[in-house]
Amino acid sequence: MAADTTLLPPSPAPVPVPLPTPPPQNYKGFVAGIFSGIAKLAVGHPFDTIKVRLQTTPPTRFSGPLSCLLSTLRHEGLAGLYKGATPPLVGWMFMDSIMLGSLTVYRRLLHTHVFDDGDGRPLPTYGHGLAGVLAGATVSFVAAPVEHVKARLQVQYAADKSGRLYAGPVDCVRRVWRWHGVRGVYHGLGATMLFRSFFFFWWGSYDVFSRWLRGNTGWSAPVVNFWAGGLSAQVFWITSYPSDVVKQRVMTDPLGGGLGDGVRRFPRWRDAARAVYVERGWRGYWRGFLPCFLRAFPANAMALVAFEGVMRTLP
């Protein structure tokens, strides 16, 4: 005779066991940033050399970007366009690793602890901008000495090494350290941090362009990264360029003392900013902008393709 089961309680429904949340892969952004730095240097350094020379020399030396390019090739050859490339070759690998790695971490922290309302929405655009500001401040401590050495090498115009103050990047660091110590090596740190605060516009606009392109085109991820990276870099340079002009003036200003490079002109950032205006008016803040603007798209587009591609590839 079958047992009567009418009085037995119904079996409880199985409770789903939540899967453990995988730990954040923080290392990926730092590794991918190395490849971004290599791509950026290969494409962008010649443009950067022209930009720095136009920013830091009297208007009578070069009539414009083309004049600077032809003069450099005529007197120094193709290698002249890659002067000062050794510091950023090493430095940009570290700088992009730290910048993009910390950017990835700051995005996650802001999304988790500031902007997460439990509704699963992605980090808002201004959250990406804020992460950019934090990443810019972080990387400035690596970028300042690298860009300082690079700038001083780029404004050495003698084709013969015997006519230059610095034989190379190591010699430049050694001499500056000998006479001015760590403060001399980090000369221009404040100007660097101010300049990189404009990363707000870079990474905020990168998010805007990326979302629009993903939603309105059928492009592949690398193509979206290329166009979003190039366009957002141009937004960044349009907003930040005057601060970069002043930064370069600060970094190429003679340090004086036993270094024997001349008399210091700009003890403060505002002194350099005022000098730019006195010399050329408001146009002075945009001198050298064209090579910078032309460089911004291809260099940063390829850098972002490399970064996002490695991010997708790494386990």
C-alpha atoms as a PDB file:
ATOM      1  CA  MET A   1       0.000   0.000   0.000  1.00  0.00           C
ATOM      2  CA  ALA A   2       1.448   3.396  -0.965  1.00  0.00           C
ATOM      3  CA  ALA A   3       2.406   5.759   1.826  1.00  0.00           C
ATOM      4  CA  ASP A   4       0.215   8.776   2.325  1.00  0.00           C
ATOM      5  CA  THR A   5       2.307  11.883   1.583  1.00  0.00           C
ATOM      6  CA  THR A   6      -0.449  14.470   1.684  1.00  0.00           C
ATOM      7  CA  LEU A   7       0.588  15.734   5.135  1.00  0.00           C
ATOM      8  CA  LEU A   8       4.301  16.065   4.350  1.00  0.00           C
ATOM      9  CA  PRO A   9       5.607  19.613   3.800  1.00  0.00           C
ATOM     10  CA  PRO A  10       6.762  20.429   0.296  1.00  0.00           C
ATOM     11  CA  SER A  11      10.466  20.084  -0.388  1.00  0.00           C
ATOM     12  CA  PRO A  12      12.200  23.468  -0.229  1.00  0.00           C
ATOM     13  CA  ALA A  13      13.483  24.861  -3.504  1.00  0.00           C
ATOM     14  CA  PRO A  14      17.236  24.590  -3.860  1.00  0.00           C
ATOM     15  CA  VAL A  15      19.001  27.782  -2.883  1.00  0.00           C
ATOM     16  CA  PRO A  16      21.455  28.877  -5.563  1.00  0.00           C
ATOM     17  CA  VAL A  17      24.980  29.150  -4.283  1.00  0.00           C
ATOM     18  CA  PRO A  18      26.473  32.493  -5.361  1.00  0.00           C
ATOM     19  CA  LEU A  19      29.645  32.151  -7.359  1.00  0.00           C
ATOM     20  CA  PRO A  20      32.672  33.801  -5.782  1.00  0.00           C
ATOM     21  CA  THR A  21      33.579  37.154  -7.276  1.00  0.00           C
ATOM     22  CA  PRO A  22      36.876  36.841  -9.107  1.00  0.00           C
ATOM     23  CA  PRO A  23      39.604  39.034  -7.678  1.00  0.00           C
ATOM     24  CA  PRO A  24      40.350  42.188  -9.686  1.00  0.00           C
ATOM     25  CA  GLN A  25      43.188  41.678 -12.150  1.00  0.00           C
ATOM     26  CA  ASN A  26      45.037  44.859 -11.238  1.00  0.00           C
ATOM     27  CA  TYR A  27      48.267  43.755 -12.894  1.00  0.00           C
ATOM     28  CA  LYS A  28      46.736  43.830 -16.380  1.00  0.00           C
ATOM     29  CA  GLY A  29      46.595  47.602 -16.660  1.00  0.00           C
ATOM     30  CA  PHE A  30      50.241  47.965 -15.644  1.00  0.00           C
ATOM     31  CA  VAL A  31      51.446  45.350 -18.138  1.00  0.00           C
ATOM     32  CA  ALA A  32      49.301  46.694 -20.972  1.00  0.00           C
ATOM     33  CA  GLY A  33      50.574  50.204 -20.264  1.00  0.00           C
ATOM     34  CA  ILE A  34      54.125  49.133 -21.173  1.00  0.00           C
ATOM     35  CA  PHE A  35      53.016  48.283 -24.709  1.00  0.00           C
ATOM     36  CA  SER A  36      51.123  51.571 -24.891  1.00  0.00           C
ATOM     37  CA  GLY A  37      54.299  53.499 -24.068  1.00  0.00           C
ATOM     38  CA  ILE A  38      56.324  51.724 -26.765  1.00  0.00           C
ATOM     39  CA  ALA A  39      53.691  52.420 -29.427  1.00  0.00           C
ATOM     40  CA  LYS A  40      53.408  56.059 -28.394  1.00  0.00           C
ATOM     41  CA  LEU A  41      57.145  56.672 -28.587  1.00  0.00           C
ATOM     42  CA  ALA A  42      57.626  55.034 -31.988  1.00  0.00           C
ATOM     43  CA  VAL A  43      54.901  57.139 -33.605  1.00  0.00           C
ATOM     44  CA  GLY A  44      55.011  60.370 -31.650  1.00  0.00           C
ATOM     45  CA  HIS A  45      58.559  61.331 -30.666  1.00  0.00           C
ATOM     46  CA  PRO A  46      59.535  63.230 -33.864  1.00  0.00           C
ATOM     47  CA  PHE A  47      56.401  65.371 -33.487  1.00  0.00           C
ATOM     48  CA  ASP A  48      57.305  65.945 -29.843  1.00  0.00           C
ATOM     49  CA  THR A  49      60.811  67.135 -30.702  1.00  0.00           C
ATOM     50  CA  ILE A  50      59.429  69.726 -33.126  1.00  0.00           C
ATOM     51  CA  LYS A  51      56.849  70.813 -30.538  1.00  0.00           C
ATOM     52  CA  VAL A  52      59.406  71.301 -27.754  1.00  0.00           C
ATOM     53  CA  ARG A  53      61.786  73.234 -30.019  1.00  0.00           C
ATOM     54  CA  LEU A  54      59.039  75.594 -31.141  1.00  0.00           C
ATOM     55  CA  GLN A  55      57.868  76.061 -27.557  1.00  0.00           C
ATOM     56  CA  THR A  56      61.259  76.952 -26.132  1.00  0.00           C
ATOM     57  CA  THR A  57      63.131  78.944 -28.804  1.00  0.00           C
ATOM     58  CA  PRO A  58      62.840  82.590 -29.938  1.00  0.00           C
ATOM     59  CA  PRO A  59      60.361  83.114 -32.787  1.00  0.00           C
ATOM     60  CA  THR A  60      63.222  84.204 -35.067  1.00  0.00           C
ATOM     61  CA  ARG A  61      64.857  80.764 -35.061  1.00  0.00           C
ATOM     62  CA  PHE A  62      62.048  78.872 -36.807  1.00  0.00           C
ATOM     63  CA  SER A  63      59.191  80.372 -38.813  1.00  0.00           C
ATOM     64  CA  GLY A  64      56.954  77.382 -38.081  1.00  0.00           C
ATOM     65  CA  PRO A  65      56.751  73.578 -37.784  1.00  0.00           C
ATOM     66  CA  LEU A  66      57.911  72.901 -41.349  1.00  0.00           C
ATOM     67  CA  SER A  67      60.885  75.244 -40.942  1.00  0.00           C
ATOM     68  CA  CYS A  68      61.844  73.491 -37.704  1.00  0.00           C
ATOM     69  CA  LEU A  69      61.490  70.048 -39.320  1.00  0.00           C
ATOM     70  CA  LEU A  70      63.582  70.930 -42.390  1.00  0.00           C
ATOM     71  CA  SER A  71      66.249  72.667 -40.305  1.00  0.00           C
ATOM     72  CA  THR A  72      66.514  69.661 -37.990  1.00  0.00           C
ATOM     73  CA  LEU A  73      66.814  67.198 -40.877  1.00  0.00           C
ATOM     74  CA  ARG A  74      69.334  69.416 -42.710  1.00  0.00           C
ATOM     75  CA  HIS A  75      71.694  69.911 -39.786  1.00  0.00           C
ATOM     76  CA  GLU A  76      71.141  66.819 -37.631  1.00  0.00           C
ATOM     77  CA  GLY A  77      69.615  64.208 -39.895  1.00  0.00           C
ATOM     78  CA  LEU A  78      66.752  61.867 -39.029  1.00  0.00           C
ATOM     79  CA  ALA A  79      68.401  61.100 -35.703  1.00  0.00           C
ATOM     80  CA  GLY A  80      67.814  64.723 -34.714  1.00  0.00           C
ATOM     81  CA  LEU A  81      64.076  64.056 -34.596  1.00  0.00           C
ATOM     82  CA  TYR A  82      64.704  61.289 -32.079  1.00  0.00           C
ATOM     83  CA  LYS A  83      66.967  63.314 -29.794  1.00  0.00           C
ATOM     84  CA  GLY A  84      66.078  62.665 -26.201  1.00  0.00           C
ATOM     85  CA  ALA A  85      64.235  59.472 -27.183  1.00  0.00           C
ATOM     86  CA  THR A  86      66.070  57.238 -24.709  1.00  0.00           C
ATOM     87  CA  PRO A  87      64.467  58.704 -21.553  1.00  0.00           C
ATOM     88  CA  PRO A  88      60.901  58.408 -22.903  1.00  0.00           C
ATOM     89  CA  LEU A  89      61.593  54.972 -24.430  1.00  0.00           C
ATOM     90  CA  VAL A  90      62.238  53.734 -20.924  1.00  0.00           C
ATOM     91  CA  GLY A  91      60.228  56.422 -19.180  1.00  0.00           C
ATOM     92  CA  TRP A  92      57.039  56.200 -21.235  1.00  0.00           C
ATOM     93  CA  MET A  93      56.970  52.449 -20.742  1.00  0.00           C
ATOM     94  CA  PHE A  94      56.970  53.079 -16.999  1.00  0.00           C
ATOM     95  CA  MET A  95      54.791  56.193 -17.266  1.00  0.00           C
ATOM     96  CA  ASP A  96      52.081  54.537 -19.328  1.00  0.00           C
ATOM     97  CA  SER A  97      52.308  51.441 -17.149  1.00  0.00           C
ATOM     98  CA  ILE A  98      51.755  53.529 -14.018  1.00  0.00           C
ATOM     99  CA  MET A  99      49.234  55.890 -15.615  1.00  0.00           C
ATOM    100  CA  LEU A 100      47.057  53.241 -17.257  1.00  0.00           C
ATOM    101  CA  GLY A 101      47.531  50.737 -14.472  1.00  0.00           C
ATOM    102  CA  SER A 102      46.562  53.246 -11.788  1.00  0.00           C
ATOM    103  CA  LEU A 103      43.743  54.527 -14.019  1.00  0.00           C
ATOM    104  CA  THR A 104      42.315  50.997 -14.113  1.00  0.00           C
ATOM    105  CA  VAL A 105      42.577  50.720 -10.324  1.00  0.00           C
ATOM    106  CA  TYR A 106      41.069  54.172  -9.699  1.00  0.00           C
ATOM    107  CA  ARG A 107      38.161  53.405 -12.043  1.00  0.00           C
ATOM    108  CA  ARG A 108      37.397  50.239 -10.110  1.00  0.00           C
ATOM    109  CA  LEU A 109      37.723  51.918  -6.700  1.00  0.00           C
ATOM    110  CA  LEU A 110      35.523  54.844  -7.708  1.00  0.00           C
ATOM    111  CA  HIS A 111      32.925  52.543  -9.205  1.00  0.00           C
ATOM    112  CA  THR A 112      32.876  50.315  -6.128  1.00  0.00           C
ATOM    113  CA  HIS A 113      33.092  52.880  -3.334  1.00  0.00           C
ATOM    114  CA  VAL A 114      31.745  56.144  -4.759  1.00  0.00           C
ATOM    115  CA  PHE A 115      29.386  55.600  -7.701  1.00  0.00           C
ATOM    116  CA  ASP A 116      27.931  52.125  -7.025  1.00  0.00           C
ATOM    117  CA  ASP A 117      24.230  52.413  -6.124  1.00  0.00           C
ATOM    118  CA  GLY A 118      23.665  48.697  -6.467  1.00  0.00           C
ATOM    119  CA  ASP A 119      21.956  49.073  -9.839  1.00  0.00           C
ATOM    120  CA  GLY A 120      24.855  47.729 -11.897  1.00  0.00           C
ATOM    121  CA  ARG A 121      25.319  50.891 -13.937  1.00  0.00           C
ATOM    122  CA  PRO A 122      28.800  51.563 -15.355  1.00  0.00           C
ATOM    123  CA  LEU A 123      31.080  54.279 -14.069  1.00  0.00           C
ATOM    124  CA  PRO A 124      29.728  57.666 -15.253  1.00  0.00           C
ATOM    125  CA  THR A 125      31.751  59.861 -17.587  1.00  0.00           C
ATOM    126  CA  TYR A 126      32.807  62.302 -14.886  1.00  0.00           C
ATOM    127  CA  GLY A 127      33.940  59.292 -12.832  1.00  0.00           C
ATOM    128  CA  HIS A 128      36.289  58.376 -15.679  1.00  0.00           C
ATOM    129  CA  GLY A 129      37.500  61.990 -15.695  1.00  0.00           C
ATOM    130  CA  LEU A 130      38.135  61.947 -11.948  1.00  0.00           C
ATOM    131  CA  ALA A 131      40.050  58.660 -12.283  1.00  0.00           C
ATOM    132  CA  GLY A 132      42.133  60.395 -14.950  1.00  0.00           C
ATOM    133  CA  VAL A 133      43.005  63.274 -12.616  1.00  0.00           C
ATOM    134  CA  LEU A 134      44.103  60.825  -9.906  1.00  0.00           C
ATOM    135  CA  ALA A 135      46.134  58.787 -12.392  1.00  0.00           C
ATOM    136  CA  GLY A 136      47.729  61.990 -13.718  1.00  0.00           C
ATOM    137  CA  ALA A 137      48.823  63.036 -10.234  1.00  0.00           C
ATOM    138  CA  THR A 138      50.207  59.560  -9.571  1.00  0.00           C
ATOM    139  CA  VAL A 139      52.252  59.316 -12.756  1.00  0.00           C
ATOM    140  CA  SER A 140      53.625  62.860 -12.374  1.00  0.00           C
ATOM    141  CA  PHE A 141      56.189  61.577  -9.893  1.00  0.00           C
ATOM    142  CA  VAL A 142      57.683  59.441 -12.657  1.00  0.00           C
ATOM    143  CA  ALA A 143      56.917  61.787 -15.561  1.00  0.00           C
ATOM    144  CA  ALA A 144      58.505  64.936 -14.119  1.00  0.00           C
ATOM    145  CA  PRO A 145      62.153  63.778 -14.086  1.00  0.00           C
ATOM    146  CA  VAL A 146      61.769  61.904 -17.387  1.00  0.00           C
ATOM    147  CA  GLU A 147      60.269  64.901 -19.184  1.00  0.00           C
ATOM    148  CA  HIS A 148      62.751  67.246 -17.523  1.00  0.00           C
ATOM    149  CA  VAL A 149      65.739  65.317 -18.916  1.00  0.00           C
ATOM    150  CA  LYS A 150      64.043  64.838 -22.302  1.00  0.00           C
ATOM    151  CA  ALA A 151      63.326  68.549 -22.668  1.00  0.00           C
ATOM    152  CA  ARG A 152      66.904  69.578 -21.818  1.00  0.00           C
ATOM    153  CA  LEU A 153      68.290  67.145 -24.404  1.00  0.00           C
ATOM    154  CA  GLN A 154      65.816  68.246 -27.066  1.00  0.00           C
ATOM    155  CA  VAL A 155      66.924  71.884 -26.940  1.00  0.00           C
ATOM    156  CA  GLN A 156      70.585  71.062 -27.535  1.00  0.00           C
ATOM    157  CA  TYR A 157      71.075  72.150 -31.138  1.00  0.00           C
ATOM    158  CA  ALA A 158      74.736  71.337 -31.736  1.00  0.00           C
ATOM    159  CA  ALA A 159      75.167  68.477 -34.211  1.00  0.00           C
ATOM    160  CA  ASP A 160      78.607  67.744 -32.718  1.00  0.00           C
ATOM    161  CA  LYS A 161      78.395  66.151 -29.271  1.00  0.00           C
ATOM    162  CA  SER A 162      81.417  68.126 -28.118  1.00  0.00           C
ATOM    163  CA  GLY A 163      79.356  71.300 -28.360  1.00  0.00           C
ATOM    164  CA  ARG A 164      76.587  70.061 -26.073  1.00  0.00           C
ATOM    165  CA  LEU A 165      76.324  70.553 -22.336  1.00  0.00           C
ATOM    166  CA  TYR A 166      74.996  67.032 -21.816  1.00  0.00           C
ATOM    167  CA  ALA A 167      76.420  63.952 -23.535  1.00  0.00           C
ATOM    168  CA  GLY A 168      73.202  62.021 -22.990  1.00  0.00           C
ATOM    169  CA  PRO A 169      70.415  61.302 -20.509  1.00  0.00           C
ATOM    170  CA  VAL A 170      72.628  59.647 -17.902  1.00  0.00           C
ATOM    171  CA  ASP A 171      75.109  62.510 -18.065  1.00  0.00           C
ATOM    172  CA  CYS A 172      72.257  65.016 -17.756  1.00  0.00           C
ATOM    173  CA  VAL A 173      70.887  63.330 -14.633  1.00  0.00           C
ATOM    174  CA  ARG A 174      74.373  63.020 -13.139  1.00  0.00           C
ATOM    175  CA  ARG A 175      75.194  66.694 -13.662  1.00  0.00           C
ATOM    176  CA  VAL A 176      71.836  68.007 -12.422  1.00  0.00           C
ATOM    177  CA  TRP A 177      71.985  65.719  -9.371  1.00  0.00           C
ATOM    178  CA  ARG A 178      75.550  66.793  -8.575  1.00  0.00           C
ATOM    179  CA  TRP A 179      74.764  70.499  -8.426  1.00  0.00           C
ATOM    180  CA  HIS A 180      71.077  70.597  -7.509  1.00  0.00           C
ATOM    181  CA  GLY A 181      70.230  67.246  -5.923  1.00  0.00           C
ATOM    182  CA  VAL A 182      66.816  65.627  -6.007  1.00  0.00           C
ATOM    183  CA  ARG A 183      65.074  69.021  -6.267  1.00  0.00           C
ATOM    184  CA  GLY A 184      66.968  69.684  -9.475  1.00  0.00           C
ATOM    185  CA  VAL A 185      66.019  66.330 -10.983  1.00  0.00           C
ATOM    186  CA  TYR A 186      62.367  66.957 -10.058  1.00  0.00           C
ATOM    187  CA  HIS A 187      62.464  70.531 -11.346  1.00  0.00           C
ATOM    188  CA  GLY A 188      59.032  71.235 -12.847  1.00  0.00           C
ATOM    189  CA  LEU A 189      57.056  68.709 -10.767  1.00  0.00           C
ATOM    190  CA  GLY A 190      54.352  71.258  -9.888  1.00  0.00           C
ATOM    191  CA  ALA A 191      53.971  72.284 -13.523  1.00  0.00           C
ATOM    192  CA  THR A 192      53.767  68.611 -14.496  1.00  0.00           C
ATOM    193  CA  MET A 193      50.980  67.901 -12.004  1.00  0.00           C
ATOM    194  CA  LEU A 194      49.027  70.942 -13.178  1.00  0.00           C
ATOM    195  CA  PHE A 195      49.372  69.863 -16.807  1.00  0.00           C
ATOM    196  CA  ARG A 196      48.230  66.316 -16.019  1.00  0.00           C
ATOM    197  CA  SER A 197      45.169  67.494 -14.138  1.00  0.00           C
ATOM    198  CA  PHE A 198      43.706  67.971 -17.634  1.00  0.00           C
ATOM    199  CA  PHE A 199      43.553  64.176 -17.901  1.00  0.00           C
ATOM    200  CA  PHE A 200      40.000  64.775 -16.710  1.00  0.00           C
ATOM    201  CA  PHE A 201      39.112  65.818 -20.258  1.00  0.00           C
ATOM    202  CA  TRP A 202      41.127  63.014 -21.876  1.00  0.00           C
ATOM    203  CA  TRP A 203      39.574  60.091 -20.068  1.00  0.00           C
ATOM    204  CA  GLY A 204      36.156  61.649 -19.755  1.00  0.00           C
ATOM    205  CA  SER A 205      35.976  62.226 -23.516  1.00  0.00           C
ATOM    206  CA  TYR A 206      37.450  58.769 -24.181  1.00  0.00           C
ATOM    207  CA  ASP A 207      34.468  57.280 -22.386  1.00  0.00           C
ATOM    208  CA  VAL A 208      32.054  59.492 -24.351  1.00  0.00           C
ATOM    209  CA  PHE A 209      33.585  58.603 -27.725  1.00  0.00           C
ATOM    210  CA  SER A 210      33.838  54.897 -26.873  1.00  0.00           C
ATOM    211  CA  ARG A 211      30.193  54.656 -25.840  1.00  0.00           C
ATOM    212  CA  TRP A 212      28.992  56.540 -28.896  1.00  0.00           C
ATOM    213  CA  LEU A 213      31.063  54.488 -31.333  1.00  0.00           C
ATOM    214  CA  ARG A 214      30.035  51.178 -29.775  1.00  0.00           C
ATOM    215  CA  GLY A 215      26.365  52.187 -29.879  1.00  0.00           C
ATOM    216  CA  ASN A 216      26.266  53.768 -33.339  1.00  0.00           C
ATOM    217  CA  THR A 217      28.698  51.769 -35.460  1.00  0.00           C
ATOM    218  CA  GLY A 218      29.404  48.136 -36.146  1.00  0.00           C
ATOM    219  CA  TRP A 219      33.129  48.633 -35.717  1.00  0.00           C
ATOM    220  CA  SER A 220      35.341  46.087 -34.010  1.00  0.00           C
ATOM    221  CA  ALA A 221      36.819  46.831 -30.590  1.00  0.00           C
ATOM    222  CA  PRO A 222      40.307  47.751 -31.931  1.00  0.00           C
ATOM    223  CA  VAL A 223      38.794  50.224 -34.419  1.00  0.00           C
ATOM    224  CA  VAL A 224      36.682  51.801 -31.663  1.00  0.00           C
ATOM    225  CA  ASN A 225      39.796  52.039 -29.460  1.00  0.00           C
ATOM    226  CA  PHE A 226      41.754  53.660 -32.305  1.00  0.00           C
ATOM    227  CA  TRP A 227      39.230  56.403 -33.037  1.00  0.00           C
ATOM    228  CA  ALA A 228      38.215  57.019 -29.422  1.00  0.00           C
ATOM    229  CA  GLY A 229      41.878  57.131 -28.384  1.00  0.00           C
ATOM    230  CA  GLY A 230      42.855  59.566 -31.138  1.00  0.00           C
ATOM    231  CA  LEU A 231      39.893  61.901 -30.734  1.00  0.00           C
ATOM    232  CA  SER A 232      40.083  62.019 -26.934  1.00  0.00           C
ATOM    233  CA  ALA A 233      43.812  62.802 -27.107  1.00  0.00           C
ATOM    234  CA  GLN A 234      43.017  65.797 -29.297  1.00  0.00           C
ATOM    235  CA  VAL A 235      40.405  66.985 -26.774  1.00  0.00           C
ATOM    236  CA  PHE A 236      43.061  66.704 -24.080  1.00  0.00           C
ATOM    237  CA  TRP A 237      45.650  68.734 -25.992  1.00  0.00           C
ATOM    238  CA  ILE A 238      43.183  71.453 -26.955  1.00  0.00           C
ATOM    239  CA  THR A 239      42.349  71.982 -23.284  1.00  0.00           C
ATOM    240  CA  SER A 240      45.842  71.509 -21.820  1.00  0.00           C
ATOM    241  CA  TYR A 241      48.258  72.930 -24.383  1.00  0.00           C
ATOM    242  CA  PRO A 242      48.892  76.368 -22.783  1.00  0.00           C
ATOM    243  CA  SER A 243      49.872  74.669 -19.515  1.00  0.00           C
ATOM    244  CA  ASP A 244      52.274  72.429 -21.464  1.00  0.00           C
ATOM    245  CA  VAL A 245      53.959  75.468 -23.043  1.00  0.00           C
ATOM    246  CA  VAL A 246      54.579  76.921 -19.599  1.00  0.00           C
ATOM    247  CA  LYS A 247      55.767  73.542 -18.293  1.00  0.00           C
ATOM    248  CA  GLN A 248      58.354  73.284 -21.062  1.00  0.00           C
ATOM    249  CA  ARG A 249      59.599  76.798 -20.311  1.00  0.00           C
ATOM    250  CA  VAL A 250      60.023  75.824 -16.666  1.00  0.00           C
ATOM    251  CA  MET A 251      61.825  72.581 -17.497  1.00  0.00           C
ATOM    252  CA  THR A 252      64.275  74.135 -19.992  1.00  0.00           C
ATOM    253  CA  ASP A 253      65.000  77.149 -17.816  1.00  0.00           C
ATOM    254  CA  PRO A 254      68.679  77.267 -16.718  1.00  0.00           C
ATOM    255  CA  LEU A 255      69.205  75.865 -13.249  1.00  0.00           C
ATOM    256  CA  GLY A 256      72.337  77.965 -12.725  1.00  0.00           C
ATOM    257  CA  GLY A 257      74.954  77.393 -10.078  1.00  0.00           C
ATOM    258  CA  GLY A 258      77.797  75.008 -10.786  1.00  0.00           C
ATOM    259  CA  LEU A 259      75.896  73.453 -13.656  1.00  0.00           C
ATOM    260  CA  GLY A 260      77.023  76.352 -15.838  1.00  0.00           C
ATOM    261  CA  ASP A 261      73.941  76.427 -18.046  1.00  0.00           C
ATOM    262  CA  GLY A 262      73.095  80.103 -17.549  1.00  0.00           C
ATOM    263  CA  VAL A 263      71.065  82.274 -15.179  1.00  0.00           C
ATOM    264  CA  ARG A 264      67.683  81.092 -13.978  1.00  0.00           C
ATOM    265  CA  ARG A 265      64.784  83.188 -15.290  1.00  0.00           C
ATOM    266  CA  PHE A 266      61.649  81.561 -13.844  1.00  0.00           C
ATOM    267  CA  PRO A 267      61.731  80.815 -10.111  1.00  0.00           C
ATOM    268  CA  ARG A 268      57.943  80.269 -10.173  1.00  0.00           C
ATOM    269  CA  TRP A 269      55.419  78.853 -12.615  1.00  0.00           C
ATOM    270  CA  ARG A 270      53.642  82.168 -12.979  1.00  0.00           C
ATOM    271  CA  ASP A 271      56.919  83.864 -13.951  1.00  0.00           C
ATOM    272  CA  ALA A 272      57.217  81.507 -16.930  1.00  0.00           C
ATOM    273  CA  ALA A 273      53.540  82.034 -17.806  1.00  0.00           C
ATOM    274  CA  ARG A 274      53.982  85.810 -17.714  1.00  0.00           C
ATOM    275  CA  ALA A 275      57.115  85.626 -19.878  1.00  0.00           C
ATOM    276  CA  VAL A 276      55.240  83.700 -22.581  1.00  0.00           C
ATOM    277  CA  TYR A 277      52.571  86.416 -22.711  1.00  0.00           C
ATOM    278  CA  VAL A 278      55.085  89.286 -22.695  1.00  0.00           C
ATOM    279  CA  GLU A 279      57.007  87.759 -25.605  1.00  0.00           C
ATOM    280  CA  ARG A 280      54.148  86.830 -27.947  1.00  0.00           C
ATOM    281  CA  GLY A 281      50.815  87.654 -26.302  1.00  0.00           C
ATOM    282  CA  TRP A 282      48.122  84.986 -26.140  1.00  0.00           C
ATOM    283  CA  ARG A 283      49.483  83.387 -29.324  1.00  0.00           C
ATOM    284  CA  GLY A 284      52.571  82.395 -27.386  1.00  0.00           C
ATOM    285  CA  TYR A 285      50.561  79.852 -25.418  1.00  0.00           C
ATOM    286  CA  TRP A 286      49.772  78.046 -28.673  1.00  0.00           C
ATOM    287  CA  ARG A 287      53.204  78.116 -30.319  1.00  0.00           C
ATOM    288  CA  GLY A 288      54.061  74.596 -31.532  1.00  0.00           C
ATOM    289  CA  PHE A 289      50.449  73.468 -31.303  1.00  0.00           C
ATOM    290  CA  LEU A 290      50.214  72.154 -34.872  1.00  0.00           C
ATOM    291  CA  PRO A 291      52.860  69.401 -34.583  1.00  0.00           C
ATOM    292  CA  CYS A 292      51.439  68.510 -31.183  1.00  0.00           C
ATOM    293  CA  PHE A 293      47.914  68.276 -32.593  1.00  0.00           C
ATOM    294  CA  LEU A 294      49.091  66.238 -35.582  1.00  0.00           C
ATOM    295  CA  ARG A 295      50.984  63.915 -33.256  1.00  0.00           C
ATOM    296  CA  ALA A 296      48.146  63.497 -30.767  1.00  0.00           C
ATOM    297  CA  PHE A 297      45.872  61.426 -32.955  1.00  0.00           C
ATOM    298  CA  PRO A 298      48.195  58.745 -34.399  1.00  0.00           C
ATOM    299  CA  ALA A 299      50.427  58.382 -31.329  1.00  0.00           C
ATOM    300  CA  ASN A 300      47.630  58.054 -28.791  1.00  0.00           C
ATOM    301  CA  ALA A 301      45.326  56.128 -31.108  1.00  0.00           C
ATOM    302  CA  MET A 302      47.987  53.440 -31.525  1.00  0.00           C
ATOM    303  CA  ALA A 303      48.809  53.591 -27.816  1.00  0.00           C
ATOM    304  CA  LEU A 304      45.170  52.939 -26.873  1.00  0.00           C
ATOM    305  CA  VAL A 305      44.862  50.143 -29.453  1.00  0.00           C
ATOM    306  CA  ALA A 306      47.928  48.505 -27.914  1.00  0.00           C
ATOM    307  CA  PHE A 307      46.663  49.032 -24.350  1.00  0.00           C
ATOM    308  CA  GLU A 308      43.118  47.765 -24.889  1.00  0.00           C
ATOM    309  CA  GLY A 309      44.339  44.886 -27.066  1.00  0.00           C
ATOM    310  CA  VAL A 310      46.746  43.631 -24.405  1.00  0.00           C
ATOM    311  CA  MET A 311      44.050  44.118 -21.737  1.00  0.00           C
ATOM    312  CA  ARG A 312      41.751  41.818 -23.712  1.00  0.00           C
ATOM    313  CA  THR A 313      44.504  39.273 -24.292  1.00  0.00           C
ATOM    314  CA  LEU A 314      45.879  38.910 -20.775  1.00  0.00           C
ATOM    315  CA  PRO A 315      44.269  36.209 -18.609  1.00  0.00           C
END
